[in-house]
Amino acid sequence: MLTRIRNGNVIKRAMVDVRNSKVNRGVLDVLKREGFIRDYELVKSDVQGTLSVTLKYGPDGEFVINKIKRESTPGRRLYRPADEIKPVLRGRGIAIVSTSKGVISDRECREGRLGGEVLCTVW
């Protein structure tokens, strides 16, 4: 999903389609709440469905998402306690963390004193 968003952002596409899953919906919820994407919606296409993501750009066409990087991989899971989750670019970016309370941003992790698996960083 992150690669599809990254590739669509580079060519300044208005919308990209990604596979529907609970984790993908959680990541998209955080990106929408933090202002990195405009919106997303579920499109019934097959058994699982597809999420249609509307990307966001600035008034002069500048990128809102400058970089999106996957932190935790299948071969190297990255777990952090709440006190080790630091702000990304001094607060200008976010880290998306999968916790026991769902997928949330790094700010919400520090406020709620929750740790978890760091999925990706966005700035």
PDB file of N, CA and C in Angstrom:
ATOM      1  N   MET A   1       0.831  -1.180   0.000  1.00  0.00           N
ATOM      2  CA  MET A   1       0.000   0.000   0.000  1.00  0.00           C
ATOM      3  C   MET A   1       0.878   1.247   0.000  1.00  0.00           C
ATOM      4  N   LEU A   2       1.936   1.261   0.808  1.00  0.00           N
ATOM      5  CA  LEU A   2       2.800   2.437   0.885  1.00  0.00           C
ATOM      6  C   LEU A   2       3.457   2.719  -0.463  1.00  0.00           C
ATOM      7  N   THR A   3       3.856   1.670  -1.176  1.00  0.00           N
ATOM      8  CA  THR A   3       4.485   1.852  -2.480  1.00  0.00           C
ATOM      9  C   THR A   3       3.496   2.413  -3.492  1.00  0.00           C
ATOM     10  N   ARG A   4       2.252   1.968  -3.448  1.00  0.00           N
ATOM     11  CA  ARG A   4       1.243   2.511  -4.366  1.00  0.00           C
ATOM     12  C   ARG A   4       0.992   3.992  -4.099  1.00  0.00           C
ATOM     13  N   ILE A   5       0.936   4.378  -2.820  1.00  0.00           N
ATOM     14  CA  ILE A   5       0.757   5.797  -2.477  1.00  0.00           C
ATOM     15  C   ILE A   5       1.977   6.592  -2.923  1.00  0.00           C
ATOM     16  N   ARG A   6       3.171   6.058  -2.671  1.00  0.00           N
ATOM     17  CA  ARG A   6       4.415   6.742  -3.051  1.00  0.00           C
ATOM     18  C   ARG A   6       4.480   6.936  -4.564  1.00  0.00           C
ATOM     19  N   ASN A   7       4.179   5.880  -5.338  1.00  0.00           N
ATOM     20  CA  ASN A   7       4.243   5.974  -6.799  1.00  0.00           C
ATOM     21  C   ASN A   7       3.172   6.915  -7.351  1.00  0.00           C
ATOM     22  N   GLY A   8       1.969   6.860  -6.811  1.00  0.00           N
ATOM     23  CA  GLY A   8       0.914   7.763  -7.259  1.00  0.00           C
ATOM     24  C   GLY A   8       1.230   9.213  -6.930  1.00  0.00           C
ATOM     25  N   ASN A   9       1.883   9.434  -5.805  1.00  0.00           N
ATOM     26  CA  ASN A   9       2.269  10.783  -5.388  1.00  0.00           C
ATOM     27  C   ASN A   9       3.332  11.354  -6.318  1.00  0.00           C
ATOM     28  N   VAL A  10       4.295  10.530  -6.736  1.00  0.00           N
ATOM     29  CA  VAL A  10       5.384  10.994  -7.585  1.00  0.00           C
ATOM     30  C   VAL A  10       4.875  11.471  -8.943  1.00  0.00           C
ATOM     31  N   ILE A  11       3.885  10.760  -9.501  1.00  0.00           N
ATOM     32  CA  ILE A  11       3.362  11.168 -10.804  1.00  0.00           C
ATOM     33  C   ILE A  11       2.142  12.084 -10.674  1.00  0.00           C
ATOM     34  N   LYS A  12       1.882  12.545  -9.446  1.00  0.00           N
ATOM     35  CA  LYS A  12       0.812  13.502  -9.146  1.00  0.00           C
ATOM     36  C   LYS A  12      -0.559  13.000  -9.584  1.00  0.00           C
ATOM     37  N   ARG A  13      -0.818  11.767  -9.262  1.00  0.00           N
ATOM     38  CA  ARG A  13      -2.118  11.182  -9.561  1.00  0.00           C
ATOM     39  C   ARG A  13      -3.132  11.637  -8.520  1.00  0.00           C
ATOM     40  N   ALA A  14      -4.369  11.807  -8.913  1.00  0.00           N
ATOM     41  CA  ALA A  14      -5.409  12.258  -7.987  1.00  0.00           C
ATOM     42  C   ALA A  14      -5.856  11.136  -7.057  1.00  0.00           C
ATOM     43  N   MET A  15      -5.950   9.897  -7.594  1.00  0.00           N
ATOM     44  CA  MET A  15      -6.433   8.770  -6.797  1.00  0.00           C
ATOM     45  C   MET A  15      -5.590   7.533  -7.078  1.00  0.00           C
ATOM     46  N   VAL A  16      -5.450   6.693  -6.042  1.00  0.00           N
ATOM     47  CA  VAL A  16      -4.822   5.387  -6.205  1.00  0.00           C
ATOM     48  C   VAL A  16      -5.718   4.347  -5.534  1.00  0.00           C
ATOM     49  N   ASP A  17      -5.645   3.121  -6.008  1.00  0.00           N
ATOM     50  CA  ASP A  17      -6.416   2.028  -5.433  1.00  0.00           C
ATOM     51  C   ASP A  17      -5.479   1.096  -4.687  1.00  0.00           C
ATOM     52  N   VAL A  18      -5.881   0.710  -3.479  1.00  0.00           N
ATOM     53  CA  VAL A  18      -5.098  -0.228  -2.667  1.00  0.00           C
ATOM     54  C   VAL A  18      -6.022  -1.330  -2.166  1.00  0.00           C
ATOM     55  N   ARG A  19      -5.419  -2.424  -1.719  1.00  0.00           N
ATOM     56  CA  ARG A  19      -6.180  -3.562  -1.220  1.00  0.00           C
ATOM     57  C   ARG A  19      -6.825  -3.229   0.118  1.00  0.00           C
ATOM     58  N   ASN A  20      -7.994  -3.744   0.352  1.00  0.00           N
ATOM     59  CA  ASN A  20      -8.710  -3.484   1.596  1.00  0.00           C
ATOM     60  C   ASN A  20      -8.265  -4.466   2.677  1.00  0.00           C
ATOM     61  N   SER A  21      -7.885  -3.943   3.840  1.00  0.00           N
ATOM     62  CA  SER A  21      -7.608  -4.748   5.027  1.00  0.00           C
ATOM     63  C   SER A  21      -7.760  -3.842   6.246  1.00  0.00           C
ATOM     64  N   LYS A  22      -7.841  -4.437   7.414  1.00  0.00           N
ATOM     65  CA  LYS A  22      -7.996  -3.649   8.635  1.00  0.00           C
ATOM     66  C   LYS A  22      -6.786  -2.760   8.874  1.00  0.00           C
ATOM     67  N   VAL A  23      -5.596  -3.293   8.636  1.00  0.00           N
ATOM     68  CA  VAL A  23      -4.372  -2.505   8.850  1.00  0.00           C
ATOM     69  C   VAL A  23      -4.311  -1.354   7.858  1.00  0.00           C
ATOM     70  N   ASN A  24      -4.617  -1.617   6.593  1.00  0.00           N
ATOM     71  CA  ASN A  24      -4.599  -0.549   5.587  1.00  0.00           C
ATOM     72  C   ASN A  24      -5.610   0.542   5.929  1.00  0.00           C
ATOM     73  N   ARG A  25      -6.820   0.148   6.371  1.00  0.00           N
ATOM     74  CA  ARG A  25      -7.811   1.158   6.774  1.00  0.00           C
ATOM     75  C   ARG A  25      -7.307   1.947   7.981  1.00  0.00           C
ATOM     76  N   GLY A  26      -6.642   1.300   8.925  1.00  0.00           N
ATOM     77  CA  GLY A  26      -6.100   1.997  10.092  1.00  0.00           C
ATOM     78  C   GLY A  26      -5.026   3.001   9.706  1.00  0.00           C
ATOM     79  N   VAL A  27      -4.128   2.606   8.801  1.00  0.00           N
ATOM     80  CA  VAL A  27      -3.074   3.521   8.336  1.00  0.00           C
ATOM     81  C   VAL A  27      -3.694   4.697   7.593  1.00  0.00           C
ATOM     82  N   LEU A  28      -4.681   4.433   6.749  1.00  0.00           N
ATOM     83  CA  LEU A  28      -5.339   5.518   6.006  1.00  0.00           C
ATOM     84  C   LEU A  28      -6.112   6.447   6.941  1.00  0.00           C
ATOM     85  N   ASP A  29      -6.707   5.909   8.012  1.00  0.00           N
ATOM     86  CA  ASP A  29      -7.373   6.761   9.003  1.00  0.00           C
ATOM     87  C   ASP A  29      -6.386   7.736   9.626  1.00  0.00           C
ATOM     88  N   VAL A  30      -5.203   7.241   9.986  1.00  0.00           N
ATOM     89  CA  VAL A  30      -4.185   8.106  10.593  1.00  0.00           C
ATOM     90  C   VAL A  30      -3.715   9.143   9.583  1.00  0.00           C
ATOM     91  N   LEU A  31      -3.461   8.743   8.337  1.00  0.00           N
ATOM     92  CA  LEU A  31      -3.020   9.697   7.322  1.00  0.00           C
ATOM     93  C   LEU A  31      -4.069  10.777   7.067  1.00  0.00           C
ATOM     94  N   LYS A  32      -5.344  10.399   7.101  1.00  0.00           N
ATOM     95  CA  LYS A  32      -6.412  11.389   6.908  1.00  0.00           C
ATOM     96  C   LYS A  32      -6.506  12.332   8.108  1.00  0.00           C
ATOM     97  N   ARG A  33      -6.446  11.767   9.319  1.00  0.00           N
ATOM     98  CA  ARG A  33      -6.517  12.589  10.535  1.00  0.00           C
ATOM     99  C   ARG A  33      -5.369  13.593  10.617  1.00  0.00           C
ATOM    100  N   GLU A  34      -4.190  13.173  10.176  1.00  0.00           N
ATOM    101  CA  GLU A  34      -3.011  14.041  10.251  1.00  0.00           C
ATOM    102  C   GLU A  34      -2.875  14.960   9.032  1.00  0.00           C
ATOM    103  N   GLY A  35      -3.752  14.828   8.035  1.00  0.00           N
ATOM    104  CA  GLY A  35      -3.773  15.764   6.902  1.00  0.00           C
ATOM    105  C   GLY A  35      -2.860  15.400   5.754  1.00  0.00           C
ATOM    106  N   PHE A  36      -2.452  14.142   5.613  1.00  0.00           N
ATOM    107  CA  PHE A  36      -1.578  13.750   4.515  1.00  0.00           C
ATOM    108  C   PHE A  36      -2.343  13.283   3.280  1.00  0.00           C
ATOM    109  N   ILE A  37      -3.591  12.841   3.445  1.00  0.00           N
ATOM    110  CA  ILE A  37      -4.438  12.485   2.306  1.00  0.00           C
ATOM    111  C   ILE A  37      -5.782  13.181   2.476  1.00  0.00           C
ATOM    112  N   ARG A  38      -6.511  13.326   1.375  1.00  0.00           N
ATOM    113  CA  ARG A  38      -7.828  13.960   1.464  1.00  0.00           C
ATOM    114  C   ARG A  38      -8.863  13.017   2.055  1.00  0.00           C
ATOM    115  N   ASP A  39      -9.011  11.841   1.455  1.00  0.00           N
ATOM    116  CA  ASP A  39     -10.045  10.919   1.901  1.00  0.00           C
ATOM    117  C   ASP A  39      -9.780   9.554   1.285  1.00  0.00           C
ATOM    118  N   TYR A  40     -10.550   8.562   1.727  1.00  0.00           N
ATOM    119  CA  TYR A  40     -10.545   7.248   1.106  1.00  0.00           C
ATOM    120  C   TYR A  40     -11.932   6.656   1.243  1.00  0.00           C
ATOM    121  N   GLU A  41     -12.245   5.730   0.337  1.00  0.00           N
ATOM    122  CA  GLU A  41     -13.546   5.076   0.391  1.00  0.00           C
ATOM    123  C   GLU A  41     -13.411   3.627  -0.048  1.00  0.00           C
ATOM    124  N   LEU A  42     -14.311   2.787   0.466  1.00  0.00           N
ATOM    125  CA  LEU A  42     -14.327   1.374   0.135  1.00  0.00           C
ATOM    126  C   LEU A  42     -15.146   1.163  -1.129  1.00  0.00           C
ATOM    127  N   VAL A  43     -14.543   0.512  -2.109  1.00  0.00           N
ATOM    128  CA  VAL A  43     -15.208   0.193  -3.368  1.00  0.00           C
ATOM    129  C   VAL A  43     -15.351  -1.323  -3.423  1.00  0.00           C
ATOM    130  N   LYS A  44     -16.585  -1.802  -3.527  1.00  0.00           N
ATOM    131  CA  LYS A  44     -16.824  -3.240  -3.622  1.00  0.00           C
ATOM    132  C   LYS A  44     -16.437  -3.708  -5.024  1.00  0.00           C
ATOM    133  N   SER A  45     -15.357  -4.491  -5.119  1.00  0.00           N
ATOM    134  CA  SER A  45     -14.938  -4.960  -6.431  1.00  0.00           C
ATOM    135  C   SER A  45     -14.814  -6.476  -6.484  1.00  0.00           C
ATOM    136  N   ASP A  46     -14.371  -7.082  -5.416  1.00  0.00           N
ATOM    137  CA  ASP A  46     -14.266  -8.536  -5.361  1.00  0.00           C
ATOM    138  C   ASP A  46     -14.618  -8.963  -3.942  1.00  0.00           C
ATOM    139  N   VAL A  47     -14.157 -10.103  -3.526  1.00  0.00           N
ATOM    140  CA  VAL A  47     -14.484 -10.601  -2.189  1.00  0.00           C
ATOM    141  C   VAL A  47     -13.981  -9.639  -1.110  1.00  0.00           C
ATOM    142  N   GLN A  48     -12.761  -9.163  -1.274  1.00  0.00           N
ATOM    143  CA  GLN A  48     -12.142  -8.324  -0.247  1.00  0.00           C
ATOM    144  C   GLN A  48     -12.466  -6.849  -0.430  1.00  0.00           C
ATOM    145  N   GLY A  49     -12.569  -6.393  -1.641  1.00  0.00           N
ATOM    146  CA  GLY A  49     -12.830  -4.988  -1.900  1.00  0.00           C
ATOM    147  C   GLY A  49     -11.553  -4.207  -2.121  1.00  0.00           C
ATOM    148  N   THR A  50     -11.716  -2.970  -2.510  1.00  0.00           N
ATOM    149  CA  THR A  50     -10.599  -2.079  -2.801  1.00  0.00           C
ATOM    150  C   THR A  50     -10.836  -0.754  -2.107  1.00  0.00           C
ATOM    151  N   LEU A  51      -9.755  -0.134  -1.648  1.00  0.00           N
ATOM    152  CA  LEU A  51      -9.832   1.192  -1.062  1.00  0.00           C
ATOM    153  C   LEU A  51      -9.342   2.196  -2.092  1.00  0.00           C
ATOM    154  N   SER A  52     -10.160   3.173  -2.401  1.00  0.00           N
ATOM    155  CA  SER A  52      -9.798   4.224  -3.339  1.00  0.00           C
ATOM    156  C   SER A  52      -9.342   5.431  -2.526  1.00  0.00           C
ATOM    157  N   VAL A  53      -8.060   5.773  -2.646  1.00  0.00           N
ATOM    158  CA  VAL A  53      -7.443   6.820  -1.830  1.00  0.00           C
ATOM    159  C   VAL A  53      -7.289   8.084  -2.666  1.00  0.00           C
ATOM    160  N   THR A  54      -7.805   9.216  -2.172  1.00  0.00           N
ATOM    161  CA  THR A  54      -7.643  10.504  -2.838  1.00  0.00           C
ATOM    162  C   THR A  54      -6.441  11.205  -2.213  1.00  0.00           C
ATOM    163  N   LEU A  55      -5.398  11.417  -3.019  1.00  0.00           N
ATOM    164  CA  LEU A  55      -4.172  12.038  -2.534  1.00  0.00           C
ATOM    165  C   LEU A  55      -4.343  13.548  -2.410  1.00  0.00           C
ATOM    166  N   LYS A  56      -3.468  14.162  -1.642  1.00  0.00           N
ATOM    167  CA  LYS A  56      -3.574  15.584  -1.354  1.00  0.00           C
ATOM    168  C   LYS A  56      -2.305  16.301  -1.812  1.00  0.00           C
ATOM    169  N   TYR A  57      -2.481  17.459  -2.427  1.00  0.00           N
ATOM    170  CA  TYR A  57      -1.363  18.287  -2.874  1.00  0.00           C
ATOM    171  C   TYR A  57      -1.613  19.713  -2.416  1.00  0.00           C
ATOM    172  N   GLY A  58      -0.559  20.523  -2.390  1.00  0.00           N
ATOM    173  CA  GLY A  58      -0.674  21.911  -1.976  1.00  0.00           C
ATOM    174  C   GLY A  58      -1.355  22.763  -3.041  1.00  0.00           C
ATOM    175  N   PRO A  59      -1.587  24.058  -2.764  1.00  0.00           N
ATOM    176  CA  PRO A  59      -2.288  24.919  -3.719  1.00  0.00           C
ATOM    177  C   PRO A  59      -1.536  25.108  -5.030  1.00  0.00           C
ATOM    178  N   ASP A  60      -0.206  25.036  -5.008  1.00  0.00           N
ATOM    179  CA  ASP A  60       0.580  25.177  -6.232  1.00  0.00           C
ATOM    180  C   ASP A  60       1.068  23.832  -6.755  1.00  0.00           C
ATOM    181  N   GLY A  61       0.474  22.749  -6.279  1.00  0.00           N
ATOM    182  CA  GLY A  61       0.843  21.417  -6.739  1.00  0.00           C
ATOM    183  C   GLY A  61       2.002  20.792  -5.984  1.00  0.00           C
ATOM    184  N   GLU A  62       2.437  21.417  -4.884  1.00  0.00           N
ATOM    185  CA  GLU A  62       3.557  20.844  -4.124  1.00  0.00           C
ATOM    186  C   GLU A  62       3.091  19.612  -3.345  1.00  0.00           C
ATOM    187  N   PHE A  63       4.037  18.747  -3.057  1.00  0.00           N
ATOM    188  CA  PHE A  63       3.727  17.489  -2.389  1.00  0.00           C
ATOM    189  C   PHE A  63       3.410  17.703  -0.920  1.00  0.00           C
ATOM    190  N   VAL A  64       2.365  17.047  -0.427  1.00  0.00           N
ATOM    191  CA  VAL A  64       2.073  17.016   1.001  1.00  0.00           C
ATOM    192  C   VAL A  64       2.852  15.870   1.632  1.00  0.00           C
ATOM    193  N   ILE A  65       2.915  14.734   0.931  1.00  0.00           N
ATOM    194  CA  ILE A  65       3.735  13.603   1.371  1.00  0.00           C
ATOM    195  C   ILE A  65       5.060  13.699   0.628  1.00  0.00           C
ATOM    196  N   ASN A  66       6.116  14.118   1.339  1.00  0.00           N
ATOM    197  CA  ASN A  66       7.426  14.197   0.720  1.00  0.00           C
ATOM    198  C   ASN A  66       8.119  12.846   0.705  1.00  0.00           C
ATOM    199  N   LYS A  67       7.946  12.090   1.787  1.00  0.00           N
ATOM    200  CA  LYS A  67       8.558  10.771   1.868  1.00  0.00           C
ATOM    201  C   LYS A  67       7.685   9.882   2.735  1.00  0.00           C
ATOM    202  N   ILE A  68       7.529   8.640   2.325  1.00  0.00           N
ATOM    203  CA  ILE A  68       6.808   7.652   3.113  1.00  0.00           C
ATOM    204  C   ILE A  68       7.689   6.406   3.132  1.00  0.00           C
ATOM    205  N   LYS A  69       8.080   5.981   4.328  1.00  0.00           N
ATOM    206  CA  LYS A  69       9.080   4.926   4.468  1.00  0.00           C
ATOM    207  C   LYS A  69       8.561   3.826   5.384  1.00  0.00           C
ATOM    208  N   ARG A  70       8.692   2.589   4.943  1.00  0.00           N
ATOM    209  CA  ARG A  70       8.299   1.443   5.765  1.00  0.00           C
ATOM    210  C   ARG A  70       9.406   1.161   6.769  1.00  0.00           C
ATOM    211  N   GLU A  71       9.049   1.062   8.036  1.00  0.00           N
ATOM    212  CA  GLU A  71      10.035   0.822   9.085  1.00  0.00           C
ATOM    213  C   GLU A  71      10.089  -0.652   9.475  1.00  0.00           C
ATOM    214  N   SER A  72       8.951  -1.260   9.725  1.00  0.00           N
ATOM    215  CA  SER A  72       8.889  -2.646  10.144  1.00  0.00           C
ATOM    216  C   SER A  72       8.683  -3.520   8.914  1.00  0.00           C
ATOM    217  N   THR A  73       9.516  -4.541   8.745  1.00  0.00           N
ATOM    218  CA  THR A  73       9.414  -5.440   7.604  1.00  0.00           C
ATOM    219  C   THR A  73       9.144  -6.852   8.106  1.00  0.00           C
ATOM    220  N   PRO A  74       8.731  -7.761   7.229  1.00  0.00           N
ATOM    221  CA  PRO A  74       8.498  -9.135   7.697  1.00  0.00           C
ATOM    222  C   PRO A  74       9.745  -9.789   8.285  1.00  0.00           C
ATOM    223  N   GLY A  75      10.911  -9.426   7.798  1.00  0.00           N
ATOM    224  CA  GLY A  75      12.152 -10.011   8.314  1.00  0.00           C
ATOM    225  C   GLY A  75      12.704  -9.301   9.526  1.00  0.00           C
ATOM    226  N   ARG A  76      12.241  -8.085   9.795  1.00  0.00           N
ATOM    227  CA  ARG A  76      12.754  -7.317  10.932  1.00  0.00           C
ATOM    228  C   ARG A  76      11.623  -6.454  11.479  1.00  0.00           C
ATOM    229  N   ARG A  77      10.912  -6.992  12.430  1.00  0.00           N
ATOM    230  CA  ARG A  77       9.838  -6.238  13.081  1.00  0.00           C
ATOM    231  C   ARG A  77      10.452  -5.229  14.033  1.00  0.00           C
ATOM    232  N   LEU A  78       9.886  -4.031  14.070  1.00  0.00           N
ATOM    233  CA  LEU A  78      10.434  -2.945  14.883  1.00  0.00           C
ATOM    234  C   LEU A  78       9.414  -2.561  15.950  1.00  0.00           C
ATOM    235  N   TYR A  79       9.645  -3.023  17.166  1.00  0.00           N
ATOM    236  CA  TYR A  79       8.763  -2.725  18.292  1.00  0.00           C
ATOM    237  C   TYR A  79       9.425  -1.679  19.178  1.00  0.00           C
ATOM    238  N   ARG A  80       8.644  -0.709  19.648  1.00  0.00           N
ATOM    239  CA  ARG A  80       9.162   0.341  20.517  1.00  0.00           C
ATOM    240  C   ARG A  80       8.201   0.585  21.671  1.00  0.00           C
ATOM    241  N   PRO A  81       8.729   0.775  22.891  1.00  0.00           N
ATOM    242  CA  PRO A  81       7.866   1.242  23.986  1.00  0.00           C
ATOM    243  C   PRO A  81       7.552   2.724  23.789  1.00  0.00           C
ATOM    244  N   ALA A  82       6.596   3.235  24.530  1.00  0.00           N
ATOM    245  CA  ALA A  82       6.119   4.612  24.334  1.00  0.00           C
ATOM    246  C   ALA A  82       7.222   5.641  24.528  1.00  0.00           C
ATOM    247  N   ASP A  83       8.119   5.430  25.478  1.00  0.00           N
ATOM    248  CA  ASP A  83       9.152   6.443  25.738  1.00  0.00           C
ATOM    249  C   ASP A  83      10.267   6.431  24.697  1.00  0.00           C
ATOM    250  N   GLU A  84      10.314   5.438  23.824  1.00  0.00           N
ATOM    251  CA  GLU A  84      11.322   5.400  22.763  1.00  0.00           C
ATOM    252  C   GLU A  84      10.784   5.846  21.408  1.00  0.00           C
ATOM    253  N   ILE A  85       9.500   6.187  21.331  1.00  0.00           N
ATOM    254  CA  ILE A  85       8.925   6.678  20.078  1.00  0.00           C
ATOM    255  C   ILE A  85       9.132   8.188  20.037  1.00  0.00           C
ATOM    256  N   LYS A  86      10.096   8.609  19.238  1.00  0.00           N
ATOM    257  CA  LYS A  86      10.477  10.022  19.155  1.00  0.00           C
ATOM    258  C   LYS A  86       9.722  10.714  18.024  1.00  0.00           C
ATOM    259  N   PRO A  87       9.544  12.041  18.085  1.00  0.00           N
ATOM    260  CA  PRO A  87       8.893  12.774  16.993  1.00  0.00           C
ATOM    261  C   PRO A  87       9.717  12.689  15.705  1.00  0.00           C
ATOM    262  N   VAL A  88       9.051  12.604  14.576  1.00  0.00           N
ATOM    263  CA  VAL A  88       9.691  12.532  13.273  1.00  0.00           C
ATOM    264  C   VAL A  88       9.922  13.953  12.781  1.00  0.00           C
ATOM    265  N   LEU A  89      11.147  14.280  12.439  1.00  0.00           N
ATOM    266  CA  LEU A  89      11.530  15.619  11.962  1.00  0.00           C
ATOM    267  C   LEU A  89      11.039  16.722  12.898  1.00  0.00           C
ATOM    268  N   ARG A  90      11.250  16.509  14.171  1.00  0.00           N
ATOM    269  CA  ARG A  90      10.858  17.467  15.211  1.00  0.00           C
ATOM    270  C   ARG A  90       9.380  17.827  15.162  1.00  0.00           C
ATOM    271  N   GLY A  91       8.550  16.835  14.837  1.00  0.00           N
ATOM    272  CA  GLY A  91       7.106  17.038  14.847  1.00  0.00           C
ATOM    273  C   GLY A  91       6.490  17.370  13.512  1.00  0.00           C
ATOM    274  N   ARG A  92       7.295  17.546  12.452  1.00  0.00           N
ATOM    275  CA  ARG A  92       6.725  17.864  11.140  1.00  0.00           C
ATOM    276  C   ARG A  92       6.220  16.622  10.418  1.00  0.00           C
ATOM    277  N   GLY A  93       6.689  15.452  10.828  1.00  0.00           N
ATOM    278  CA  GLY A  93       6.232  14.199  10.257  1.00  0.00           C
ATOM    279  C   GLY A  93       5.578  13.347  11.326  1.00  0.00           C
ATOM    280  N   ILE A  94       5.141  12.154  10.931  1.00  0.00           N
ATOM    281  CA  ILE A  94       4.519  11.253  11.887  1.00  0.00           C
ATOM    282  C   ILE A  94       5.078   9.848  11.697  1.00  0.00           C
ATOM    283  N   ALA A  95       5.001   9.081  12.761  1.00  0.00           N
ATOM    284  CA  ALA A  95       5.244   7.645  12.692  1.00  0.00           C
ATOM    285  C   ALA A  95       3.899   6.977  12.936  1.00  0.00           C
ATOM    286  N   ILE A  96       3.600   5.947  12.181  1.00  0.00           N
ATOM    287  CA  ILE A  96       2.345   5.221  12.344  1.00  0.00           C
ATOM    288  C   ILE A  96       2.663   3.920  13.069  1.00  0.00           C
ATOM    289  N   VAL A  97       1.969   3.697  14.201  1.00  0.00           N
ATOM    290  CA  VAL A  97       2.283   2.598  15.098  1.00  0.00           C
ATOM    291  C   VAL A  97       1.059   1.711  15.280  1.00  0.00           C
ATOM    292  N   SER A  98       1.273   0.404  15.208  1.00  0.00           N
ATOM    293  CA  SER A  98       0.218  -0.562  15.472  1.00  0.00           C
ATOM    294  C   SER A  98       0.299  -0.953  16.949  1.00  0.00           C
ATOM    295  N   THR A  99      -0.747  -0.638  17.713  1.00  0.00           N
ATOM    296  CA  THR A  99      -0.756  -0.884  19.154  1.00  0.00           C
ATOM    297  C   THR A  99      -1.918  -1.816  19.507  1.00  0.00           C
ATOM    298  N   SER A 100      -2.047  -2.087  20.795  1.00  0.00           N
ATOM    299  CA  SER A 100      -3.176  -2.896  21.256  1.00  0.00           C
ATOM    300  C   SER A 100      -4.499  -2.140  21.131  1.00  0.00           C
ATOM    301  N   LYS A 101      -4.458  -0.822  21.000  1.00  0.00           N
ATOM    302  CA  LYS A 101      -5.650   0.013  20.828  1.00  0.00           C
ATOM    303  C   LYS A 101      -5.937   0.329  19.369  1.00  0.00           C
ATOM    304  N   GLY A 102      -5.212  -0.301  18.445  1.00  0.00           N
ATOM    305  CA  GLY A 102      -5.398  -0.057  17.023  1.00  0.00           C
ATOM    306  C   GLY A 102      -4.203   0.670  16.432  1.00  0.00           C
ATOM    307  N   VAL A 103      -4.339   1.095  15.187  1.00  0.00           N
ATOM    308  CA  VAL A 103      -3.279   1.809  14.481  1.00  0.00           C
ATOM    309  C   VAL A 103      -3.433   3.295  14.786  1.00  0.00           C
ATOM    310  N   ILE A 104      -2.384   3.887  15.385  1.00  0.00           N
ATOM    311  CA  ILE A 104      -2.433   5.301  15.787  1.00  0.00           C
ATOM    312  C   ILE A 104      -1.112   5.985  15.445  1.00  0.00           C
ATOM    313  N   SER A 105      -1.076   7.314  15.570  1.00  0.00           N
ATOM    314  CA  SER A 105       0.134   8.078  15.268  1.00  0.00           C
ATOM    315  C   SER A 105       1.062   8.100  16.478  1.00  0.00           C
ATOM    316  N   ASP A 106       2.279   8.572  16.240  1.00  0.00           N
ATOM    317  CA  ASP A 106       3.261   8.628  17.333  1.00  0.00           C
ATOM    318  C   ASP A 106       2.852   9.611  18.425  1.00  0.00           C
ATOM    319  N   ARG A 107       2.168  10.685  18.068  1.00  0.00           N
ATOM    320  CA  ARG A 107       1.703  11.648  19.077  1.00  0.00           C
ATOM    321  C   ARG A 107       0.705  10.999  20.026  1.00  0.00           C
ATOM    322  N   GLU A 108      -0.239  10.245  19.440  1.00  0.00           N
ATOM    323  CA  GLU A 108      -1.238   9.565  20.261  1.00  0.00           C
ATOM    324  C   GLU A 108      -0.595   8.477  21.122  1.00  0.00           C
ATOM    325  N   CYS A 109       0.478   7.859  20.632  1.00  0.00           N
ATOM    326  CA  CYS A 109       1.204   6.862  21.433  1.00  0.00           C
ATOM    327  C   CYS A 109       1.824   7.506  22.661  1.00  0.00           C
ATOM    328  N   ARG A 110       2.453   8.656  22.471  1.00  0.00           N
ATOM    329  CA  ARG A 110       3.093   9.320  23.614  1.00  0.00           C
ATOM    330  C   ARG A 110       2.056   9.835  24.603  1.00  0.00           C
ATOM    331  N   GLU A 111       0.915  10.344  24.093  1.00  0.00           N
ATOM    332  CA  GLU A 111      -0.144  10.828  24.988  1.00  0.00           C
ATOM    333  C   GLU A 111      -0.759   9.693  25.792  1.00  0.00           C
ATOM    334  N   GLY A 112      -0.996   8.551  25.149  1.00  0.00           N
ATOM    335  CA  GLY A 112      -1.643   7.427  25.813  1.00  0.00           C
ATOM    336  C   GLY A 112      -0.678   6.455  26.459  1.00  0.00           C
ATOM    337  N   ARG A 113       0.641   6.758  26.377  1.00  0.00           N
ATOM    338  CA  ARG A 113       1.681   5.888  26.942  1.00  0.00           C
ATOM    339  C   ARG A 113       1.561   4.468  26.391  1.00  0.00           C
ATOM    340  N   LEU A 114       1.433   4.352  25.052  1.00  0.00           N
ATOM    341  CA  LEU A 114       1.301   3.066  24.392  1.00  0.00           C
ATOM    342  C   LEU A 114       2.500   2.825  23.487  1.00  0.00           C
ATOM    343  N   GLY A 115       3.012   1.628  23.490  1.00  0.00           N
ATOM    344  CA  GLY A 115       4.066   1.221  22.584  1.00  0.00           C
ATOM    345  C   GLY A 115       3.492   0.247  21.574  1.00  0.00           C
ATOM    346  N   GLY A 116       4.306  -0.143  20.609  1.00  0.00           N
ATOM    347  CA  GLY A 116       3.836  -1.108  19.618  1.00  0.00           C
ATOM    348  C   GLY A 116       4.793  -1.237  18.472  1.00  0.00           C
ATOM    349  N   GLU A 117       4.291  -1.762  17.370  1.00  0.00           N
ATOM    350  CA  GLU A 117       5.104  -1.972  16.183  1.00  0.00           C
ATOM    351  C   GLU A 117       5.063  -0.725  15.302  1.00  0.00           C
ATOM    352  N   VAL A 118       6.220  -0.159  15.016  1.00  0.00           N
ATOM    353  CA  VAL A 118       6.312   1.030  14.166  1.00  0.00           C
ATOM    354  C   VAL A 118       6.195   0.576  12.718  1.00  0.00           C
ATOM    355  N   LEU A 119       5.078   0.899  12.070  1.00  0.00           N
ATOM    356  CA  LEU A 119       4.820   0.449  10.701  1.00  0.00           C
ATOM    357  C   LEU A 119       5.554   1.291   9.675  1.00  0.00           C
ATOM    358  N   CYS A 120       5.414   2.618   9.766  1.00  0.00           N
ATOM    359  CA  CYS A 120       6.028   3.491   8.772  1.00  0.00           C
ATOM    360  C   CYS A 120       6.194   4.906   9.326  1.00  0.00           C
ATOM    361  N   THR A 121       6.978   5.697   8.627  1.00  0.00           N
ATOM    362  CA  THR A 121       7.099   7.126   8.945  1.00  0.00           C
ATOM    363  C   THR A 121       6.726   7.911   7.699  1.00  0.00           C
ATOM    364  N   VAL A 122       6.108   9.066   7.909  1.00  0.00           N
ATOM    365  CA  VAL A 122       5.652   9.923   6.812  1.00  0.00           C
ATOM    366  C   VAL A 122       6.053  11.357   7.133  1.00  0.00           C
ATOM    367  N   TRP A 123       6.589  12.054   6.106  1.00  0.00           N
ATOM    368  CA  TRP A 123       6.838  13.481   6.262  1.00  0.00           C
ATOM    369  C   TRP A 123       6.780  14.154   4.925  1.00  0.00           C
TER     370      TRP A 123
END
